[in-house]
Amino acid sequence: MRQINLLPWREELRKQRQKIFIQITLLIGAVTLLIMIAAGQLVSHQIDSQNSRNNLIQAQINVLNTEIQEVRALRKKRDQLLDWIGIVQNLQHNRSDIVHIMNSIANATEPQLYLTRLQLDGNLLTLEGEAAGNRQISNLMRTLAQSDVLINPTLTDVSASTINRGFNHFTLQIEHKDSSATLAQEAKQ
């Protein structure tokens, strides 16, 4: 039998396979490198795109925050104007009240009774005066209680006058009806 030496052919085949393996490995490495570079570029592009969207959203948020601050300032100014209008309307409405109070007091005074001091503190009116007798003080209180603008007369002090002999010094407190509250109640009814 003849012997055939297959070693050089196997060796060539092995070298050829090794060469193909190295080529395939290098090709896979190059393709992997290209894929990684492309993926990196894609991720970088997506990050840049998201950052630009974030910047746009932040710019819009800043614009809206500025508008919100302007709206708050306008609301505050509106509230101040409404308060001012309310005060002016209240003063306009109540300006005739003092006239009604003075008319009620003038109509309630009698001969031999005179007032030395009037003081209005909020809704409380304090009257000081002198009268010839207790009957004049009682009539004053009764007449003031029947008034449309004054309620709840209370006599706080009666003493002998130091100025006029035979007269009594008195201090009377009476509440003033708030006409705006009366109007509000009438409007509800």
Protein backbone atom coordinates (compact mmCIF):
# COMPACT_ATOMS: atom_id res chain seq x y z
CA MET A 1 0.00 0.00 0.00
CA ARG A 2 1.14 3.34 -0.76
CA GLN A 3 1.45 5.95 1.83
CA ILE A 4 0.22 9.45 1.16
CA ASN A 5 1.51 12.23 3.19
CA LEU A 6 -1.50 14.52 4.02
CA LEU A 7 0.33 16.74 6.46
CA PRO A 8 1.21 19.62 4.12
CA TRP A 9 -2.33 19.72 2.82
CA ARG A 10 -3.70 19.76 6.36
CA GLU A 11 -1.25 22.40 7.31
CA GLU A 12 -2.28 24.55 4.37
CA LEU A 13 -5.93 23.98 5.22
CA ARG A 14 -5.25 24.95 8.83
CA LYS A 15 -3.41 28.11 7.74
CA GLN A 16 -6.22 28.96 5.38
CA ARG A 17 -8.85 28.42 8.10
CA GLN A 18 -6.79 30.44 10.54
CA LYS A 19 -6.52 33.25 7.99
CA ILE A 20 -10.30 33.15 7.39
CA PHE A 21 -10.89 33.08 11.17
CA ILE A 22 -8.67 36.16 11.65
CA GLN A 23 -10.40 37.93 8.74
CA ILE A 24 -13.85 37.12 10.15
CA THR A 25 -12.74 38.19 13.65
CA LEU A 26 -11.36 41.47 12.28
CA LEU A 27 -14.50 41.99 10.22
CA ILE A 28 -16.72 41.33 13.26
CA GLY A 29 -14.53 43.68 15.33
CA ALA A 30 -14.79 46.39 12.66
CA VAL A 31 -18.55 45.94 12.32
CA THR A 32 -18.91 46.00 16.13
CA LEU A 33 -16.79 49.15 16.28
CA LEU A 34 -18.93 50.78 13.56
CA ILE A 35 -22.13 49.75 15.36
CA MET A 36 -20.83 51.16 18.65
CA ILE A 37 -19.83 54.42 16.96
CA ALA A 38 -23.26 54.65 15.27
CA ALA A 39 -25.05 53.85 18.56
CA GLY A 40 -22.95 56.49 20.35
CA GLN A 41 -23.81 59.03 17.66
CA LEU A 42 -27.50 58.09 17.89
CA VAL A 43 -27.51 58.41 21.69
CA SER A 44 -25.60 61.70 21.47
CA HIS A 45 -28.13 63.00 18.92
CA GLN A 46 -31.03 61.92 21.12
CA ILE A 47 -29.43 63.59 24.16
CA ASP A 48 -28.94 66.82 22.18
CA SER A 49 -32.52 66.64 20.93
CA GLN A 50 -33.85 66.07 24.47
CA ASN A 51 -31.69 68.92 25.83
CA SER A 52 -33.08 71.28 23.19
CA ARG A 53 -36.64 70.22 24.11
CA ASN A 54 -35.81 70.69 27.80
CA ASN A 55 -34.43 74.17 27.07
CA LEU A 56 -37.59 75.04 25.13
CA ILE A 57 -39.78 73.81 27.98
CA GLN A 58 -37.69 75.74 30.53
CA ALA A 59 -37.99 78.90 28.43
CA GLN A 60 -41.78 78.46 28.30
CA ILE A 61 -41.87 77.84 32.06
CA ASN A 62 -39.94 81.07 32.63
CA VAL A 63 -42.38 82.96 30.38
CA LEU A 64 -45.35 81.48 32.28
CA ASN A 65 -43.75 82.29 35.65
CA THR A 66 -43.32 85.89 34.54
CA GLU A 67 -46.96 86.01 33.42
CA ILE A 68 -48.07 84.46 36.74
CA GLN A 69 -46.17 87.15 38.64
CA GLU A 70 -47.81 89.84 36.50
CA VAL A 71 -51.25 88.32 37.14
CA ARG A 72 -50.57 88.22 40.89
CA ALA A 73 -49.47 91.85 40.83
CA LEU A 74 -52.59 92.81 38.87
CA ARG A 75 -54.83 90.88 41.28
CA LYS A 76 -53.18 92.58 44.24
CA LYS A 77 -53.66 95.97 42.61
CA ARG A 78 -57.28 95.07 41.77
CA ASP A 79 -57.92 94.05 45.39
CA GLN A 80 -56.41 97.31 46.61
CA LEU A 81 -58.59 99.27 44.19
CA LEU A 82 -61.69 97.33 45.26
CA ASP A 83 -60.86 98.03 48.91
CA TRP A 84 -60.40 101.70 48.09
CA ILE A 85 -63.67 101.78 46.15
CA GLY A 86 -65.41 100.11 49.11
CA ILE A 87 -64.02 102.69 51.51
CA VAL A 88 -65.05 105.56 49.24
CA GLN A 89 -68.53 104.08 48.79
CA ASN A 90 -68.86 103.56 52.55
CA LEU A 91 -67.80 107.15 53.21
CA GLN A 92 -70.14 108.39 50.50
CA HIS A 93 -72.99 106.36 51.96
CA ASN A 94 -72.30 107.31 55.60
CA ARG A 95 -71.62 111.01 55.06
CA SER A 96 -75.24 111.91 55.75
CA ASP A 97 -75.29 109.87 58.99
CA ILE A 98 -73.62 112.61 61.04
CA VAL A 99 -76.30 115.03 59.85
CA HIS A 100 -79.02 112.61 60.98
CA ILE A 101 -77.27 112.12 64.34
CA MET A 102 -76.98 115.86 64.92
CA ASN A 103 -80.62 116.41 63.91
CA SER A 104 -81.74 113.66 66.31
CA ILE A 105 -79.73 115.21 69.16
CA ALA A 106 -81.00 118.71 68.35
CA ASN A 107 -84.61 117.50 68.30
CA ALA A 108 -84.13 115.64 71.61
CA THR A 109 -82.76 118.60 73.59
CA GLU A 110 -85.12 120.60 75.78
CA PRO A 111 -84.92 123.96 77.47
CA GLN A 112 -82.71 123.86 80.55
CA LEU A 113 -80.58 121.06 79.00
CA TYR A 114 -77.43 121.71 77.10
CA LEU A 115 -74.55 119.58 75.82
CA THR A 116 -70.94 120.37 76.56
CA ARG A 117 -69.22 117.57 74.68
CA LEU A 118 -70.00 115.10 71.86
CA GLN A 119 -67.59 112.35 70.92
CA LEU A 120 -68.11 109.67 68.24
CA ASP A 121 -65.82 106.66 68.59
CA GLY A 122 -66.73 104.02 66.03
CA ASN A 123 -70.44 103.38 66.59
CA LEU A 124 -70.44 104.68 70.16
CA LEU A 125 -71.51 108.28 70.72
CA THR A 126 -70.71 109.84 74.10
CA LEU A 127 -72.69 112.91 75.16
CA GLU A 128 -71.82 115.08 78.15
CA GLY A 129 -73.97 117.92 79.28
CA GLU A 130 -75.90 119.59 82.03
CA ALA A 131 -79.59 119.56 82.81
CA ALA A 132 -81.79 121.32 85.34
CA GLY A 133 -83.24 118.01 86.52
CA ASN A 134 -83.35 114.31 86.03
CA ARG A 135 -86.61 114.59 84.06
CA GLN A 136 -84.82 116.40 81.20
CA ILE A 137 -82.15 113.68 81.11
CA SER A 138 -84.84 110.96 81.02
CA ASN A 139 -86.70 112.75 78.22
CA LEU A 140 -83.43 113.09 76.29
CA MET A 141 -82.75 109.36 76.61
CA ARG A 142 -86.32 108.44 75.63
CA THR A 143 -86.30 110.71 72.58
CA LEU A 144 -82.88 109.47 71.44
CA ALA A 145 -84.00 105.83 71.80
CA GLN A 146 -86.91 106.53 69.42
CA SER A 147 -84.53 107.97 66.83
CA ASP A 148 -83.93 106.14 63.54
CA VAL A 149 -80.14 106.44 63.77
CA LEU A 150 -79.46 106.00 67.50
CA ILE A 151 -80.13 102.99 69.75
CA ASN A 152 -79.49 101.75 73.31
CA PRO A 153 -78.96 104.95 75.30
CA THR A 154 -77.11 104.28 78.55
CA LEU A 155 -76.64 106.82 81.31
CA THR A 156 -73.17 106.29 82.74
CA ASP A 157 -72.79 109.21 85.16
CA VAL A 158 -74.98 111.81 86.89
CA SER A 159 -73.49 114.23 89.40
CA ALA A 160 -73.99 117.75 90.66
CA SER A 161 -72.63 120.36 88.28
CA THR A 162 -69.52 122.24 89.31
CA ILE A 163 -70.27 124.99 86.80
CA ASN A 164 -73.99 125.75 87.24
CA ARG A 165 -75.64 125.65 90.63
CA GLY A 166 -78.82 123.55 90.65
CA PHE A 167 -77.90 121.65 87.49
CA ASN A 168 -76.83 118.02 87.13
CA HIS A 169 -73.84 117.01 85.04
CA PHE A 170 -74.47 113.81 83.05
CA THR A 171 -72.65 111.45 80.71
CA LEU A 172 -74.70 109.45 78.25
CA GLN A 173 -73.51 106.80 75.82
CA ILE A 174 -75.60 105.77 72.85
CA GLU A 175 -74.92 103.50 69.90
CA HIS A 176 -75.09 104.68 66.33
CA LYS A 177 -76.91 102.39 63.90
CA ASP A 178 -74.65 101.41 61.04
CA SER A 179 -76.72 102.42 58.02
CA SER A 180 -74.62 100.26 55.67
CA ALA A 181 -75.48 97.18 57.78
CA THR A 182 -79.14 98.22 57.70
CA LEU A 183 -79.01 98.56 53.92
CA ALA A 184 -77.31 95.16 53.62
CA GLN A 185 -80.07 93.57 55.73
CA GLU A 186 -82.75 95.28 53.65
CA ALA A 187 -81.08 94.06 50.45
CA LYS A 188 -81.08 90.46 51.74
CA GLN A 189 -84.81 90.66 52.47
